[in-house]
Amino acid sequence: QVQLVESGGGLVQAGGSLRLSCAASGRIFSPNTMGWHRQAPGKQRELVATITSGGSTNYADSVKGRFTISRDNAKNTVYLQMNSLKPEDTANYYCAIKRVGAYAYDYWGRGAQVTVSS
């Protein structure tokens, strides 16, 4: 089992910044891919950004140039730096982990709420 705990969510004005953290613990497999997803009320969950154990990253078009995903393998922690936030970024943000090459994520955190006011 792997446990994922997100932190750093909150309320911010449009144009502001937030940094989310996700700490992993338990039987963490390696190599792995960690991802941030988000789900807004009434909308489907969407992938925001991913990062592999080796540091390769991918981003959704909607956040490119504004969000940066990073990780500290020694601390088993992944981060999401969110800049130039927009009201449409308001959502519950979830951290997840999967084996490299796998389609589905194996474990999920409970989420961190991000609210961007206009």
Protein backbone atom coordinates (compact mmCIF):
# COMPACT_ATOMS: atom_id res chain seq x y z
CA GLN A 1 0.00 0.00 0.00
CA VAL A 2 1.07 3.55 -0.74
CA GLN A 3 -0.35 6.55 1.09
CA LEU A 4 -0.48 9.97 -0.53
CA VAL A 5 -1.24 13.14 1.41
CA GLU A 6 -1.75 16.47 -0.32
CA SER A 7 -1.26 19.86 1.32
CA GLY A 8 -1.02 23.51 0.37
CA GLY A 9 -4.45 24.18 -1.02
CA GLY A 10 -6.43 27.29 -0.20
CA LEU A 11 -8.11 30.43 -1.41
CA VAL A 12 -6.21 32.85 -3.65
CA GLN A 13 -7.11 35.77 -5.87
CA ALA A 14 -6.81 35.52 -9.62
CA GLY A 15 -3.23 36.11 -10.69
CA GLY A 16 -1.89 34.72 -7.46
CA SER A 17 0.17 31.62 -6.73
CA LEU A 18 -0.09 28.46 -4.66
CA ARG A 19 2.21 25.50 -4.15
CA LEU A 20 0.76 22.05 -3.58
CA SER A 21 2.75 19.24 -2.00
CA CYS A 22 2.09 15.51 -2.02
CA ALA A 23 3.97 13.29 0.41
CA ALA A 24 4.12 9.59 -0.39
CA SER A 25 4.71 6.88 2.19
CA GLY A 26 4.45 3.12 2.53
CA ARG A 27 5.57 0.54 -0.05
CA ILE A 28 6.56 2.99 -2.78
CA PHE A 29 7.50 1.25 -6.00
CA SER A 30 10.18 2.59 -8.29
CA PRO A 31 10.44 3.69 -10.96
CA ASN A 32 7.11 5.47 -10.95
CA THR A 33 5.12 8.31 -12.43
CA MET A 34 3.38 10.77 -10.16
CA GLY A 35 0.62 12.97 -11.40
CA TRP A 36 -1.57 15.84 -10.34
CA HIS A 37 -5.20 15.69 -11.41
CA ARG A 38 -8.08 18.04 -10.70
CA GLN A 39 -11.83 17.89 -10.62
CA ALA A 40 -14.15 20.86 -10.55
CA PRO A 41 -17.79 20.57 -9.45
CA GLY A 42 -19.89 19.08 -12.22
CA LYS A 43 -16.88 18.32 -14.39
CA GLN A 44 -14.83 15.25 -15.15
CA ARG A 45 -11.48 14.74 -13.51
CA GLU A 46 -8.63 15.91 -15.71
CA LEU A 47 -4.90 15.31 -15.74
CA VAL A 48 -2.92 18.44 -14.94
CA ALA A 49 0.74 17.35 -14.92
CA THR A 50 2.93 14.27 -14.56
CA ILE A 51 6.53 13.60 -13.63
CA THR A 52 8.53 10.40 -13.78
CA SER A 53 11.18 9.22 -11.34
CA GLY A 54 13.75 10.49 -13.84
CA GLY A 55 12.19 13.93 -13.98
CA SER A 56 10.40 13.85 -17.33
CA THR A 57 7.32 16.05 -17.24
CA ASN A 58 4.09 16.55 -19.15
CA TYR A 59 1.42 19.21 -18.77
CA ALA A 60 -2.14 19.80 -19.86
CA ASP A 61 -2.36 22.57 -22.43
CA SER A 62 -4.50 24.62 -20.06
CA VAL A 63 -1.69 24.95 -17.51
CA LYS A 64 1.44 25.04 -19.67
CA GLY A 65 3.61 28.02 -18.83
CA ARG A 66 1.77 28.63 -15.54
CA PHE A 67 2.19 25.40 -13.53
CA THR A 68 5.40 23.53 -12.76
CA ILE A 69 5.58 19.99 -11.42
CA SER A 70 8.69 18.84 -9.57
CA ARG A 71 9.70 16.11 -7.17
CA ASP A 72 12.17 15.34 -4.43
CA ASN A 73 12.84 11.61 -4.63
CA ALA A 74 14.75 11.61 -1.34
CA LYS A 75 11.64 12.96 0.42
CA ASN A 76 9.15 10.99 -1.71
CA THR A 77 7.36 14.26 -2.35
CA VAL A 78 5.96 15.83 -5.49
CA TYR A 79 5.09 19.49 -5.85
CA LEU A 80 2.87 21.58 -8.08
CA GLN A 81 3.78 25.25 -8.30
CA MET A 82 0.79 27.14 -9.66
CA ASN A 83 1.29 30.70 -10.88
CA SER A 84 -1.00 33.16 -12.65
CA LEU A 85 -4.00 31.33 -11.27
CA LYS A 86 -7.35 31.78 -12.94
CA PRO A 87 -10.88 31.23 -11.58
CA GLU A 88 -11.19 28.24 -13.93
CA ASP A 89 -8.33 26.57 -12.02
CA THR A 90 -10.69 26.19 -9.06
CA ALA A 91 -10.96 22.48 -8.30
CA ASN A 92 -10.03 19.71 -5.94
CA TYR A 93 -6.46 18.70 -6.79
CA TYR A 94 -5.46 15.06 -6.38
CA CYS A 95 -2.04 13.45 -6.32
CA ALA A 96 -1.63 9.92 -7.72
CA ILE A 97 1.13 7.40 -8.41
CA LYS A 98 1.50 4.61 -10.96
CA ARG A 99 4.15 2.30 -12.33
CA VAL A 100 6.01 3.68 -15.34
CA GLY A 101 4.23 2.64 -18.52
CA ALA A 102 1.00 1.73 -16.77
CA TYR A 103 -2.25 3.25 -17.96
CA ALA A 104 -4.07 3.51 -14.66
CA TYR A 105 -2.90 5.09 -11.44
CA ASP A 106 -2.55 2.69 -8.54
CA TYR A 107 -3.01 5.00 -5.55
CA TRP A 108 -4.66 8.36 -4.98
CA GLY A 109 -4.60 11.00 -2.31
CA ARG A 110 -7.74 12.53 -0.83
CA GLY A 111 -7.24 15.86 -2.53
CA ALA A 112 -6.59 19.50 -1.72
CA GLN A 113 -9.08 22.23 -2.54
CA VAL A 114 -7.88 25.18 -4.58
CA THR A 115 -10.23 28.12 -4.96
CA VAL A 116 -9.35 31.08 -7.16
CA SER A 117 -11.51 34.17 -6.75
CA SER A 118 -12.01 36.70 -9.51
